[in-house]
Amino acid sequence: MRWRGQRKSQNVEDRRGQRRGFGFPFPGGGGRFPSSGGGRRGGGIGLIGLLIVLGIMLLLGINPLKLLTGSNPDAGGGGAGIPDMRLPQQRPDTANVPAGGQAQRRGGGLQAPQTSNEDDLKSFVAVVLGTTEDTWRQTFREIGAEYREPKLVLFDDYVRSACGTGMSAMGPFYCPADEKVYIDLAFYRELKNRFRAPGDFAQAYVISHEVGHHVQKLLGIADKVEGAKRRMSRRSANALQVRMELQADCFAGVWAHQMQADKGLIEPGDIDEALRAASAIGDDRIQRRTQGYVVPDSFTHGSSEQRARWFRRGYADGRLQTCDTFNTKQL
């Protein structure tokens, strides 16, 4: 990805190097990328610390499975139908207009001294976030709406958010309550080494997927999904959450399409990197790796094939409306 020299978003908040006590509850929703807690940098809580945290969660009646999935294992009830979540139509007279313009500049957050390599990765993240701002500002303009830019928070090991305390073991996540994306950059090492999905565009895909959840929040989809899930059985709620995650993957594809059309930043092999990342973190592949077998009813993010296919669909078409995962029988 040809990212150097591009505009950096001012909406990156750097909390690395800070250490705060744990708070509860942990975030219970949103689109997370399951990740292990191993291979931490110095200052992490380590395996023993993680076991202590899990013990406290059990004592407080919090299900530790929420660390690994975005589902609500305690949901019960009536299996209500999928709410109406049709996407707004883009006006044909404004479609495919280059984004242009400057991003709204808001506070840059806290700075912590980092190594030159970490500074380079932070610059990359800021550029990727800037391209999502350009893409979604233009897309929202085409449907007669205004795009509200999210913040992206960099952290080490654990972080406080409006959704509770997040841990690196949960992977990147989006908190709709404060409209912020949270990521420990160590996840990128795991994406490369543990999930075998290297490359800068694989890293960009992770950010664009979480920003996709922000788009769902602004469109009112996230609130409808959460409201419907509270009335459903766990199995039905998981199935609805899968549609939510696949739509975020498709939105990531729309971002990639528009970024290439407007800026030409994608290089040969970049899309393959994103597809490998989407496939690597499919529920079936993670379950097979961690427990040796696959339980489709417990999926909360979609299979490897589904995640890659919906990203590819968004990239091929480039329009918001192509990502209607809620009104299709074939995922």
C-alpha atoms as a PDB file:
ATOM      1  CA  MET A   1       0.000   0.000   0.000  1.00  0.00           C
ATOM      2  CA  ARG A   2       1.455   3.355  -1.058  1.00  0.00           C
ATOM      3  CA  TRP A   3       0.722   5.166   2.179  1.00  0.00           C
ATOM      4  CA  ARG A   4       3.793   7.330   2.770  1.00  0.00           C
ATOM      5  CA  GLY A   5       3.261  11.012   2.122  1.00  0.00           C
ATOM      6  CA  GLN A   6      -0.523  10.747   2.528  1.00  0.00           C
ATOM      7  CA  ARG A   7      -2.579  12.796   4.961  1.00  0.00           C
ATOM      8  CA  LYS A   8      -2.548  11.551   8.566  1.00  0.00           C
ATOM      9  CA  SER A   9      -5.733  11.621  10.586  1.00  0.00           C
ATOM     10  CA  GLN A  10      -5.682  13.852  13.652  1.00  0.00           C
ATOM     11  CA  ASN A  11      -8.075  11.480  15.418  1.00  0.00           C
ATOM     12  CA  VAL A  12      -5.439   9.107  16.828  1.00  0.00           C
ATOM     13  CA  GLU A  13      -5.155   9.026  20.605  1.00  0.00           C
ATOM     14  CA  ASP A  14      -1.956   7.404  21.907  1.00  0.00           C
ATOM     15  CA  ARG A  15      -2.333   5.822  25.348  1.00  0.00           C
ATOM     16  CA  ARG A  16       0.637   3.490  25.062  1.00  0.00           C
ATOM     17  CA  GLY A  17       2.890   3.453  28.089  1.00  0.00           C
ATOM     18  CA  GLN A  18       0.041   4.221  30.482  1.00  0.00           C
ATOM     19  CA  ARG A  19      -0.845   1.767  33.237  1.00  0.00           C
ATOM     20  CA  ARG A  20      -4.243   1.820  34.896  1.00  0.00           C
ATOM     21  CA  GLY A  21      -6.108  -0.559  37.157  1.00  0.00           C
ATOM     22  CA  PHE A  22      -8.676  -2.968  35.775  1.00  0.00           C
ATOM     23  CA  GLY A  23     -12.337  -2.037  35.644  1.00  0.00           C
ATOM     24  CA  PHE A  24     -15.427  -4.105  35.000  1.00  0.00           C
ATOM     25  CA  PRO A  25     -17.405  -5.028  33.028  1.00  0.00           C
ATOM     26  CA  PHE A  26     -15.390  -5.896  29.946  1.00  0.00           C
ATOM     27  CA  PRO A  27     -16.846  -4.715  26.650  1.00  0.00           C
ATOM     28  CA  GLY A  28     -19.685  -7.010  25.618  1.00  0.00           C
ATOM     29  CA  GLY A  29     -20.370  -6.071  22.010  1.00  0.00           C
ATOM     30  CA  GLY A  30     -18.918  -4.916  18.763  1.00  0.00           C
ATOM     31  CA  GLY A  31     -16.741  -6.601  16.192  1.00  0.00           C
ATOM     32  CA  ARG A  32     -13.626  -8.052  17.763  1.00  0.00           C
ATOM     33  CA  PHE A  33     -10.860 -10.061  16.211  1.00  0.00           C
ATOM     34  CA  PRO A  34     -10.144 -13.046  18.510  1.00  0.00           C
ATOM     35  CA  SER A  35      -6.499 -13.040  19.534  1.00  0.00           C
ATOM     36  CA  SER A  36      -4.274 -14.804  22.026  1.00  0.00           C
ATOM     37  CA  GLY A  37      -2.611 -13.105  24.970  1.00  0.00           C
ATOM     38  CA  GLY A  38       0.781 -14.709  24.406  1.00  0.00           C
ATOM     39  CA  GLY A  39       3.982 -13.056  23.316  1.00  0.00           C
ATOM     40  CA  ARG A  40       3.336  -9.841  25.223  1.00  0.00           C
ATOM     41  CA  ARG A  41       5.826  -7.023  25.593  1.00  0.00           C
ATOM     42  CA  GLY A  42       7.370  -6.228  28.941  1.00  0.00           C
ATOM     43  CA  GLY A  43       4.789  -4.747  31.294  1.00  0.00           C
ATOM     44  CA  GLY A  44       1.938  -7.039  30.179  1.00  0.00           C
ATOM     45  CA  ILE A  45      -0.178  -8.968  32.645  1.00  0.00           C
ATOM     46  CA  GLY A  46       1.156 -12.361  31.509  1.00  0.00           C
ATOM     47  CA  LEU A  47      -0.494 -15.780  31.699  1.00  0.00           C
ATOM     48  CA  ILE A  48      -0.785 -15.844  35.502  1.00  0.00           C
ATOM     49  CA  GLY A  49      -2.317 -12.384  35.526  1.00  0.00           C
ATOM     50  CA  LEU A  50      -4.783 -13.370  32.821  1.00  0.00           C
ATOM     51  CA  LEU A  51      -5.813 -16.439  34.850  1.00  0.00           C
ATOM     52  CA  ILE A  52      -6.386 -14.205  37.876  1.00  0.00           C
ATOM     53  CA  VAL A  53      -8.556 -11.879  35.787  1.00  0.00           C
ATOM     54  CA  LEU A  54     -10.566 -14.819  34.436  1.00  0.00           C
ATOM     55  CA  GLY A  55     -11.027 -16.080  38.006  1.00  0.00           C
ATOM     56  CA  ILE A  56     -12.347 -12.697  39.106  1.00  0.00           C
ATOM     57  CA  MET A  57     -14.730 -12.654  36.143  1.00  0.00           C
ATOM     58  CA  LEU A  58     -16.104 -16.050  37.119  1.00  0.00           C
ATOM     59  CA  LEU A  59     -16.482 -14.903  40.709  1.00  0.00           C
ATOM     60  CA  LEU A  60     -18.457 -11.869  39.544  1.00  0.00           C
ATOM     61  CA  GLY A  61     -20.600 -13.977  37.231  1.00  0.00           C
ATOM     62  CA  ILE A  62     -19.099 -12.600  34.008  1.00  0.00           C
ATOM     63  CA  ASN A  63     -18.779 -15.156  31.204  1.00  0.00           C
ATOM     64  CA  PRO A  64     -15.105 -15.327  30.053  1.00  0.00           C
ATOM     65  CA  LEU A  65     -16.275 -16.329  26.562  1.00  0.00           C
ATOM     66  CA  LYS A  66     -17.046 -12.643  26.012  1.00  0.00           C
ATOM     67  CA  LEU A  67     -13.275 -12.143  25.747  1.00  0.00           C
ATOM     68  CA  LEU A  68     -13.253 -14.189  22.568  1.00  0.00           C
ATOM     69  CA  THR A  69     -16.599 -13.444  20.934  1.00  0.00           C
ATOM     70  CA  GLY A  70     -19.001 -10.599  20.488  1.00  0.00           C
ATOM     71  CA  SER A  71     -21.957 -12.788  21.410  1.00  0.00           C
ATOM     72  CA  ASN A  72     -24.177 -12.651  24.454  1.00  0.00           C
ATOM     73  CA  PRO A  73     -24.153 -16.221  25.870  1.00  0.00           C
ATOM     74  CA  ASP A  74     -26.843 -15.376  28.392  1.00  0.00           C
ATOM     75  CA  ALA A  75     -29.406 -14.161  25.883  1.00  0.00           C
ATOM     76  CA  GLY A  76     -32.642 -16.037  25.848  1.00  0.00           C
ATOM     77  CA  GLY A  77     -36.193 -15.764  24.707  1.00  0.00           C
ATOM     78  CA  GLY A  78     -38.296 -15.715  21.714  1.00  0.00           C
ATOM     79  CA  GLY A  79     -36.200 -15.824  18.525  1.00  0.00           C
ATOM     80  CA  ALA A  80     -37.505 -12.586  17.069  1.00  0.00           C
ATOM     81  CA  GLY A  81     -37.044 -11.872  13.363  1.00  0.00           C
ATOM     82  CA  ILE A  82     -34.393  -9.692  11.792  1.00  0.00           C
ATOM     83  CA  PRO A  83     -35.360  -6.002  11.975  1.00  0.00           C
ATOM     84  CA  ASP A  84     -35.581  -3.833   8.891  1.00  0.00           C
ATOM     85  CA  MET A  85     -32.038  -2.651   8.225  1.00  0.00           C
ATOM     86  CA  ARG A  86     -32.103  -1.732   4.572  1.00  0.00           C
ATOM     87  CA  LEU A  87     -29.253   0.567   3.627  1.00  0.00           C
ATOM     88  CA  PRO A  88     -29.919   4.126   2.397  1.00  0.00           C
ATOM     89  CA  GLN A  89     -29.660   4.752  -1.338  1.00  0.00           C
ATOM     90  CA  GLN A  90     -26.845   6.797  -2.824  1.00  0.00           C
ATOM     91  CA  ARG A  91     -27.921   9.576  -5.146  1.00  0.00           C
ATOM     92  CA  PRO A  92     -26.859   8.688  -8.717  1.00  0.00           C
ATOM     93  CA  ASP A  93     -25.793  12.265  -9.458  1.00  0.00           C
ATOM     94  CA  THR A  94     -23.165  12.178  -6.686  1.00  0.00           C
ATOM     95  CA  ALA A  95     -21.954   8.584  -6.877  1.00  0.00           C
ATOM     96  CA  ASN A  96     -18.249   8.005  -7.533  1.00  0.00           C
ATOM     97  CA  VAL A  97     -17.327  11.661  -7.017  1.00  0.00           C
ATOM     98  CA  PRO A  98     -13.720  11.901  -5.712  1.00  0.00           C
ATOM     99  CA  ALA A  99     -13.732  12.610  -1.994  1.00  0.00           C
ATOM    100  CA  GLY A 100     -11.207  15.456  -1.765  1.00  0.00           C
ATOM    101  CA  GLY A 101     -11.269  18.040   0.988  1.00  0.00           C
ATOM    102  CA  GLN A 102      -9.635  18.086   4.368  1.00  0.00           C
ATOM    103  CA  ALA A 103     -10.664  16.107   7.419  1.00  0.00           C
ATOM    104  CA  GLN A 104     -12.208  17.802  10.387  1.00  0.00           C
ATOM    105  CA  ARG A 105      -9.347  18.254  12.828  1.00  0.00           C
ATOM    106  CA  ARG A 106      -9.981  17.339  16.424  1.00  0.00           C
ATOM    107  CA  GLY A 107      -7.670  16.791  19.377  1.00  0.00           C
ATOM    108  CA  GLY A 108      -4.719  14.446  18.826  1.00  0.00           C
ATOM    109  CA  GLY A 109      -4.735  12.797  22.269  1.00  0.00           C
ATOM    110  CA  LEU A 110      -1.836  11.827  24.518  1.00  0.00           C
ATOM    111  CA  GLN A 111       1.695  11.181  23.296  1.00  0.00           C
ATOM    112  CA  ALA A 112       4.043   8.563  24.712  1.00  0.00           C
ATOM    113  CA  PRO A 113       7.683   8.096  23.625  1.00  0.00           C
ATOM    114  CA  GLN A 114       8.024   5.073  21.329  1.00  0.00           C
ATOM    115  CA  THR A 115      10.707   3.390  19.265  1.00  0.00           C
ATOM    116  CA  SER A 116      11.180   4.542  15.688  1.00  0.00           C
ATOM    117  CA  ASN A 117       9.548   1.327  14.444  1.00  0.00           C
ATOM    118  CA  GLU A 118       6.452   1.968  16.581  1.00  0.00           C
ATOM    119  CA  ASP A 119       6.381   5.567  15.393  1.00  0.00           C
ATOM    120  CA  ASP A 120       6.363   4.311  11.801  1.00  0.00           C
ATOM    121  CA  LEU A 121       3.470   1.956  12.547  1.00  0.00           C
ATOM    122  CA  LYS A 122       1.592   4.758  14.290  1.00  0.00           C
ATOM    123  CA  SER A 123       2.047   6.937  11.194  1.00  0.00           C
ATOM    124  CA  PHE A 124       0.709   4.118   9.035  1.00  0.00           C
ATOM    125  CA  VAL A 125      -2.353   3.720  11.274  1.00  0.00           C
ATOM    126  CA  ALA A 126      -2.990   7.483  11.130  1.00  0.00           C
ATOM    127  CA  VAL A 127      -2.834   7.439   7.314  1.00  0.00           C
ATOM    128  CA  VAL A 128      -5.194   4.457   7.053  1.00  0.00           C
ATOM    129  CA  LEU A 129      -7.660   6.134   9.407  1.00  0.00           C
ATOM    130  CA  GLY A 130      -7.409   9.267   7.267  1.00  0.00           C
ATOM    131  CA  THR A 131      -8.365   7.306   4.140  1.00  0.00           C
ATOM    132  CA  THR A 132     -11.421   5.893   5.915  1.00  0.00           C
ATOM    133  CA  GLU A 133     -12.443   9.439   6.839  1.00  0.00           C
ATOM    134  CA  ASP A 134     -12.201  10.551   3.216  1.00  0.00           C
ATOM    135  CA  THR A 135     -14.137   7.531   1.938  1.00  0.00           C
ATOM    136  CA  TRP A 136     -16.994   7.608   4.420  1.00  0.00           C
ATOM    137  CA  ARG A 137     -17.351  11.386   4.420  1.00  0.00           C
ATOM    138  CA  GLN A 138     -17.988  11.241   0.682  1.00  0.00           C
ATOM    139  CA  THR A 139     -20.242   8.181   0.917  1.00  0.00           C
ATOM    140  CA  PHE A 140     -22.395   9.789   3.607  1.00  0.00           C
ATOM    141  CA  ARG A 141     -22.592  12.969   1.542  1.00  0.00           C
ATOM    142  CA  GLU A 142     -24.025  10.869  -1.296  1.00  0.00           C
ATOM    143  CA  ILE A 143     -26.903   9.683   0.929  1.00  0.00           C
ATOM    144  CA  GLY A 144     -27.559  13.172   2.281  1.00  0.00           C
ATOM    145  CA  ALA A 145     -25.988  12.561   5.681  1.00  0.00           C
ATOM    146  CA  GLU A 146     -22.957  13.810   7.598  1.00  0.00           C
ATOM    147  CA  TYR A 147     -20.143  11.475   8.629  1.00  0.00           C
ATOM    148  CA  ARG A 148     -18.929  11.830  12.224  1.00  0.00           C
ATOM    149  CA  GLU A 149     -15.303  10.728  12.449  1.00  0.00           C
ATOM    150  CA  PRO A 150     -14.360   8.167  15.125  1.00  0.00           C
ATOM    151  CA  LYS A 151     -11.224   8.341  17.266  1.00  0.00           C
ATOM    152  CA  LEU A 152      -8.663   5.530  17.203  1.00  0.00           C
ATOM    153  CA  VAL A 153      -6.962   4.690  20.495  1.00  0.00           C
ATOM    154  CA  LEU A 154      -3.581   2.961  20.648  1.00  0.00           C
ATOM    155  CA  PHE A 155      -2.933   1.067  23.891  1.00  0.00           C
ATOM    156  CA  ASP A 156      -0.724  -1.511  25.582  1.00  0.00           C
ATOM    157  CA  ASP A 157      -2.204  -4.667  27.140  1.00  0.00           C
ATOM    158  CA  TYR A 158      -5.414  -3.153  28.541  1.00  0.00           C
ATOM    159  CA  VAL A 159      -7.424   0.033  28.240  1.00  0.00           C
ATOM    160  CA  ARG A 160     -10.455   1.770  29.723  1.00  0.00           C
ATOM    161  CA  SER A 161     -13.277   2.597  27.334  1.00  0.00           C
ATOM    162  CA  ALA A 162     -16.873   3.720  27.682  1.00  0.00           C
ATOM    163  CA  CYS A 163     -17.790   0.053  27.123  1.00  0.00           C
ATOM    164  CA  GLY A 164     -15.646  -1.125  30.048  1.00  0.00           C
ATOM    165  CA  THR A 165     -12.063  -2.375  30.234  1.00  0.00           C
ATOM    166  CA  GLY A 166     -10.633  -3.904  27.085  1.00  0.00           C
ATOM    167  CA  MET A 167      -7.679  -6.281  26.920  1.00  0.00           C
ATOM    168  CA  SER A 168      -5.227  -7.047  24.148  1.00  0.00           C
ATOM    169  CA  ALA A 169      -6.375 -10.680  24.300  1.00  0.00           C
ATOM    170  CA  MET A 170      -9.710  -9.531  22.868  1.00  0.00           C
ATOM    171  CA  GLY A 171      -8.092  -8.122  19.751  1.00  0.00           C
ATOM    172  CA  PRO A 172      -9.078  -4.764  18.198  1.00  0.00           C
ATOM    173  CA  PHE A 173     -12.588  -3.583  19.015  1.00  0.00           C
ATOM    174  CA  TYR A 174     -14.989  -0.710  18.457  1.00  0.00           C
ATOM    175  CA  CYS A 175     -16.903   0.846  21.349  1.00  0.00           C
ATOM    176  CA  PRO A 176     -20.153   2.461  20.145  1.00  0.00           C
ATOM    177  CA  ALA A 177     -20.642   4.285  23.464  1.00  0.00           C
ATOM    178  CA  ASP A 178     -17.628   6.560  22.890  1.00  0.00           C
ATOM    179  CA  GLU A 179     -17.305   6.034  19.110  1.00  0.00           C
ATOM    180  CA  LYS A 180     -13.686   4.920  19.362  1.00  0.00           C
ATOM    181  CA  VAL A 181     -11.691   2.096  17.805  1.00  0.00           C
ATOM    182  CA  TYR A 182      -9.197   0.462  20.192  1.00  0.00           C
ATOM    183  CA  ILE A 183      -6.115  -1.446  19.086  1.00  0.00           C
ATOM    184  CA  ASP A 184      -2.924  -2.751  20.656  1.00  0.00           C
ATOM    185  CA  LEU A 185      -0.393  -2.675  17.824  1.00  0.00           C
ATOM    186  CA  ALA A 186       1.007  -5.975  19.119  1.00  0.00           C
ATOM    187  CA  PHE A 187      -2.012  -7.566  17.433  1.00  0.00           C
ATOM    188  CA  TYR A 188      -0.314  -6.949  14.110  1.00  0.00           C
ATOM    189  CA  ARG A 189       2.543  -9.232  15.171  1.00  0.00           C
ATOM    190  CA  GLU A 190       0.013 -11.933  15.981  1.00  0.00           C
ATOM    191  CA  LEU A 191      -1.763 -11.344  12.670  1.00  0.00           C
ATOM    192  CA  LYS A 192       1.550 -12.040  10.943  1.00  0.00           C
ATOM    193  CA  ASN A 193       2.997 -14.792  13.125  1.00  0.00           C
ATOM    194  CA  ARG A 194       0.013 -16.631  14.604  1.00  0.00           C
ATOM    195  CA  PHE A 195      -2.617 -16.088  11.925  1.00  0.00           C
ATOM    196  CA  ARG A 196      -0.143 -16.152   8.993  1.00  0.00           C
ATOM    197  CA  ALA A 197      -1.584 -12.974   7.488  1.00  0.00           C
ATOM    198  CA  PRO A 198       1.320 -10.529   7.007  1.00  0.00           C
ATOM    199  CA  GLY A 199       1.376  -7.295   5.046  1.00  0.00           C
ATOM    200  CA  ASP A 200       0.467  -3.653   5.554  1.00  0.00           C
ATOM    201  CA  PHE A 201      -2.836  -3.989   3.730  1.00  0.00           C
ATOM    202  CA  ALA A 202      -3.855  -6.816   6.059  1.00  0.00           C
ATOM    203  CA  GLN A 203      -3.250  -4.340   8.871  1.00  0.00           C
ATOM    204  CA  ALA A 204      -5.263  -1.676   7.058  1.00  0.00           C
ATOM    205  CA  TYR A 205      -8.147  -4.127   6.630  1.00  0.00           C
ATOM    206  CA  VAL A 206      -8.315  -4.611  10.417  1.00  0.00           C
ATOM    207  CA  ILE A 207      -8.779  -0.870  10.952  1.00  0.00           C
ATOM    208  CA  SER A 208     -11.296  -0.522   8.124  1.00  0.00           C
ATOM    209  CA  HIS A 209     -13.377  -3.404   9.539  1.00  0.00           C
ATOM    210  CA  GLU A 210     -13.634  -1.704  12.936  1.00  0.00           C
ATOM    211  CA  VAL A 211     -14.472   1.611  11.270  1.00  0.00           C
ATOM    212  CA  GLY A 212     -17.182  -0.367   9.469  1.00  0.00           C
ATOM    213  CA  HIS A 213     -18.796  -0.932  12.865  1.00  0.00           C
ATOM    214  CA  HIS A 214     -18.730   2.836  13.400  1.00  0.00           C
ATOM    215  CA  VAL A 215     -20.551   3.267  10.085  1.00  0.00           C
ATOM    216  CA  GLN A 216     -23.167   0.784  11.340  1.00  0.00           C
ATOM    217  CA  LYS A 217     -23.555   2.869  14.493  1.00  0.00           C
ATOM    218  CA  LEU A 218     -24.108   6.067  12.504  1.00  0.00           C
ATOM    219  CA  LEU A 219     -26.628   4.371  10.196  1.00  0.00           C
ATOM    220  CA  GLY A 220     -28.636   3.078  13.171  1.00  0.00           C
ATOM    221  CA  ILE A 221     -27.907  -0.558  12.331  1.00  0.00           C
ATOM    222  CA  ALA A 222     -25.934  -1.305  15.507  1.00  0.00           C
ATOM    223  CA  ASP A 223     -28.743  -0.210  17.834  1.00  0.00           C
ATOM    224  CA  LYS A 224     -31.304  -2.271  15.913  1.00  0.00           C
ATOM    225  CA  VAL A 225     -29.097  -5.361  16.068  1.00  0.00           C
ATOM    226  CA  GLU A 226     -28.450  -5.042  19.791  1.00  0.00           C
ATOM    227  CA  GLY A 227     -32.144  -4.507  20.486  1.00  0.00           C
ATOM    228  CA  ALA A 228     -33.102  -7.558  18.431  1.00  0.00           C
ATOM    229  CA  LYS A 229     -30.428  -9.754  20.035  1.00  0.00           C
ATOM    230  CA  ARG A 230     -31.833  -9.073  23.503  1.00  0.00           C
ATOM    231  CA  ARG A 231     -35.096 -10.719  22.438  1.00  0.00           C
ATOM    232  CA  MET A 232     -33.470 -13.744  20.823  1.00  0.00           C
ATOM    233  CA  SER A 233     -32.104 -17.086  21.841  1.00  0.00           C
ATOM    234  CA  ARG A 234     -28.336 -17.356  21.919  1.00  0.00           C
ATOM    235  CA  ARG A 235     -28.305 -19.284  18.636  1.00  0.00           C
ATOM    236  CA  SER A 236     -30.413 -16.663  16.842  1.00  0.00           C
ATOM    237  CA  ALA A 237     -28.418 -13.809  18.356  1.00  0.00           C
ATOM    238  CA  ASN A 238     -25.170 -15.380  17.151  1.00  0.00           C
ATOM    239  CA  ALA A 239     -26.593 -15.697  13.638  1.00  0.00           C
ATOM    240  CA  LEU A 240     -27.597 -12.030  13.642  1.00  0.00           C
ATOM    241  CA  GLN A 241     -24.153 -11.018  14.924  1.00  0.00           C
ATOM    242  CA  VAL A 242     -22.567 -12.905  12.020  1.00  0.00           C
ATOM    243  CA  ARG A 243     -24.541 -10.743   9.584  1.00  0.00           C
ATOM    244  CA  MET A 244     -23.328  -7.671  11.472  1.00  0.00           C
ATOM    245  CA  GLU A 245     -19.683  -8.720  11.176  1.00  0.00           C
ATOM    246  CA  LEU A 246     -19.936  -9.697   7.510  1.00  0.00           C
ATOM    247  CA  GLN A 247     -21.425  -6.292   6.736  1.00  0.00           C
ATOM    248  CA  ALA A 248     -18.425  -4.649   8.425  1.00  0.00           C
ATOM    249  CA  ASP A 249     -16.169  -6.805   6.221  1.00  0.00           C
ATOM    250  CA  CYS A 250     -18.125  -5.647   3.166  1.00  0.00           C
ATOM    251  CA  PHE A 251     -17.835  -2.016   4.295  1.00  0.00           C
ATOM    252  CA  ALA A 252     -14.063  -2.576   4.510  1.00  0.00           C
ATOM    253  CA  GLY A 253     -14.210  -3.675   0.875  1.00  0.00           C
ATOM    254  CA  VAL A 254     -16.146  -0.537  -0.069  1.00  0.00           C
ATOM    255  CA  TRP A 255     -13.432   1.527   1.620  1.00  0.00           C
ATOM    256  CA  ALA A 256     -10.728  -0.282  -0.364  1.00  0.00           C
ATOM    257  CA  HIS A 257     -12.617   0.281  -3.636  1.00  0.00           C
ATOM    258  CA  GLN A 258     -13.145   3.996  -3.023  1.00  0.00           C
ATOM    259  CA  MET A 259      -9.592   4.530  -1.755  1.00  0.00           C
ATOM    260  CA  GLN A 260      -8.193   2.989  -4.921  1.00  0.00           C
ATOM    261  CA  ALA A 261     -10.584   4.937  -7.155  1.00  0.00           C
ATOM    262  CA  ASP A 262      -9.807   8.257  -5.469  1.00  0.00           C
ATOM    263  CA  LYS A 263      -6.147   7.890  -4.526  1.00  0.00           C
ATOM    264  CA  GLY A 264      -4.691   4.842  -6.316  1.00  0.00           C
ATOM    265  CA  LEU A 265      -2.880   3.642  -3.187  1.00  0.00           C
ATOM    266  CA  ILE A 266      -3.403  -0.097  -3.629  1.00  0.00           C
ATOM    267  CA  GLU A 267      -0.437  -2.081  -4.951  1.00  0.00           C
ATOM    268  CA  PRO A 268      -0.356  -5.568  -6.527  1.00  0.00           C
ATOM    269  CA  GLY A 269      -0.906  -8.168  -3.834  1.00  0.00           C
ATOM    270  CA  ASP A 270      -2.646  -5.830  -1.378  1.00  0.00           C
ATOM    271  CA  ILE A 271      -6.124  -7.282  -1.864  1.00  0.00           C
ATOM    272  CA  ASP A 272      -4.714 -10.789  -1.440  1.00  0.00           C
ATOM    273  CA  GLU A 273      -3.271  -9.664   1.901  1.00  0.00           C
ATOM    274  CA  ALA A 274      -6.683  -8.431   3.039  1.00  0.00           C
ATOM    275  CA  LEU A 275      -8.368 -11.644   1.905  1.00  0.00           C
ATOM    276  CA  ARG A 276      -5.816 -13.746   3.778  1.00  0.00           C
ATOM    277  CA  ALA A 277      -6.460 -11.707   6.919  1.00  0.00           C
ATOM    278  CA  ALA A 278     -10.237 -12.050   6.558  1.00  0.00           C
ATOM    279  CA  SER A 279      -9.880 -15.809   6.060  1.00  0.00           C
ATOM    280  CA  ALA A 280      -7.393 -16.245   8.913  1.00  0.00           C
ATOM    281  CA  ILE A 281      -9.807 -14.864  11.507  1.00  0.00           C
ATOM    282  CA  GLY A 282     -12.902 -16.741  10.366  1.00  0.00           C
ATOM    283  CA  ASP A 283     -14.747 -18.518  13.182  1.00  0.00           C
ATOM    284  CA  ASP A 284     -14.254 -21.957  11.622  1.00  0.00           C
ATOM    285  CA  ARG A 285     -10.495 -21.580  11.320  1.00  0.00           C
ATOM    286  CA  ILE A 286     -10.106 -20.183  14.845  1.00  0.00           C
ATOM    287  CA  GLN A 287     -12.296 -22.912  16.369  1.00  0.00           C
ATOM    288  CA  ARG A 288     -10.421 -25.641  14.514  1.00  0.00           C
ATOM    289  CA  ARG A 289      -7.122 -24.229  15.747  1.00  0.00           C
ATOM    290  CA  THR A 290      -8.174 -23.712  19.359  1.00  0.00           C
ATOM    291  CA  GLN A 291     -10.525 -26.633  20.053  1.00  0.00           C
ATOM    292  CA  GLY A 292     -10.018 -29.020  17.166  1.00  0.00           C
ATOM    293  CA  TYR A 293     -13.583 -28.934  15.844  1.00  0.00           C
ATOM    294  CA  VAL A 294     -16.109 -26.459  14.443  1.00  0.00           C
ATOM    295  CA  VAL A 295     -19.501 -25.483  15.897  1.00  0.00           C
ATOM    296  CA  PRO A 296     -21.314 -23.340  13.287  1.00  0.00           C
ATOM    297  CA  ASP A 297     -24.136 -22.380  15.692  1.00  0.00           C
ATOM    298  CA  SER A 298     -21.572 -20.628  17.883  1.00  0.00           C
ATOM    299  CA  PHE A 299     -20.156 -18.486  15.057  1.00  0.00           C
ATOM    300  CA  THR A 300     -20.266 -14.752  15.776  1.00  0.00           C
ATOM    301  CA  HIS A 301     -18.072 -13.368  12.964  1.00  0.00           C
ATOM    302  CA  GLY A 302     -18.628 -15.726  10.035  1.00  0.00           C
ATOM    303  CA  SER A 303     -16.586 -18.428   8.349  1.00  0.00           C
ATOM    304  CA  SER A 304     -13.294 -17.763   6.579  1.00  0.00           C
ATOM    305  CA  GLU A 305     -14.994 -18.132   3.207  1.00  0.00           C
ATOM    306  CA  GLN A 306     -17.839 -15.780   4.147  1.00  0.00           C
ATOM    307  CA  ARG A 307     -15.554 -13.052   5.487  1.00  0.00           C
ATOM    308  CA  ALA A 308     -13.334 -13.083   2.417  1.00  0.00           C
ATOM    309  CA  ARG A 309     -16.332 -13.211   0.056  1.00  0.00           C
ATOM    310  CA  TRP A 310     -18.098 -10.201   1.583  1.00  0.00           C
ATOM    311  CA  PHE A 311     -14.899  -8.140   1.609  1.00  0.00           C
ATOM    312  CA  ARG A 312     -14.382  -9.063  -2.048  1.00  0.00           C
ATOM    313  CA  ARG A 313     -17.998  -8.135  -2.837  1.00  0.00           C
ATOM    314  CA  GLY A 314     -17.637  -4.678  -1.305  1.00  0.00           C
ATOM    315  CA  TYR A 315     -14.343  -4.137  -3.098  1.00  0.00           C
ATOM    316  CA  ALA A 316     -15.727  -5.188  -6.482  1.00  0.00           C
ATOM    317  CA  ASP A 317     -18.847  -2.988  -6.302  1.00  0.00           C
ATOM    318  CA  GLY A 318     -17.800  -0.058  -4.113  1.00  0.00           C
ATOM    319  CA  ARG A 319     -21.349   0.938  -3.134  1.00  0.00           C
ATOM    320  CA  LEU A 320     -22.962   0.970   0.277  1.00  0.00           C
ATOM    321  CA  GLN A 321     -26.037  -0.902  -0.946  1.00  0.00           C
ATOM    322  CA  THR A 322     -24.076  -3.985  -1.983  1.00  0.00           C
ATOM    323  CA  CYS A 323     -23.415  -4.727   1.694  1.00  0.00           C
ATOM    324  CA  ASP A 324     -26.985  -5.618   2.704  1.00  0.00           C
ATOM    325  CA  THR A 325     -26.180  -8.777   4.664  1.00  0.00           C
ATOM    326  CA  PHE A 326     -29.440  -8.623   6.598  1.00  0.00           C
ATOM    327  CA  ASN A 327     -31.821  -9.141   3.671  1.00  0.00           C
ATOM    328  CA  THR A 328     -30.087 -11.983   1.876  1.00  0.00           C
ATOM    329  CA  LYS A 329     -30.554 -15.699   2.352  1.00  0.00           C
ATOM    330  CA  GLN A 330     -27.096 -16.583   1.054  1.00  0.00           C
ATOM    331  CA  LEU A 331     -24.247 -15.429   3.285  1.00  0.00           C
END
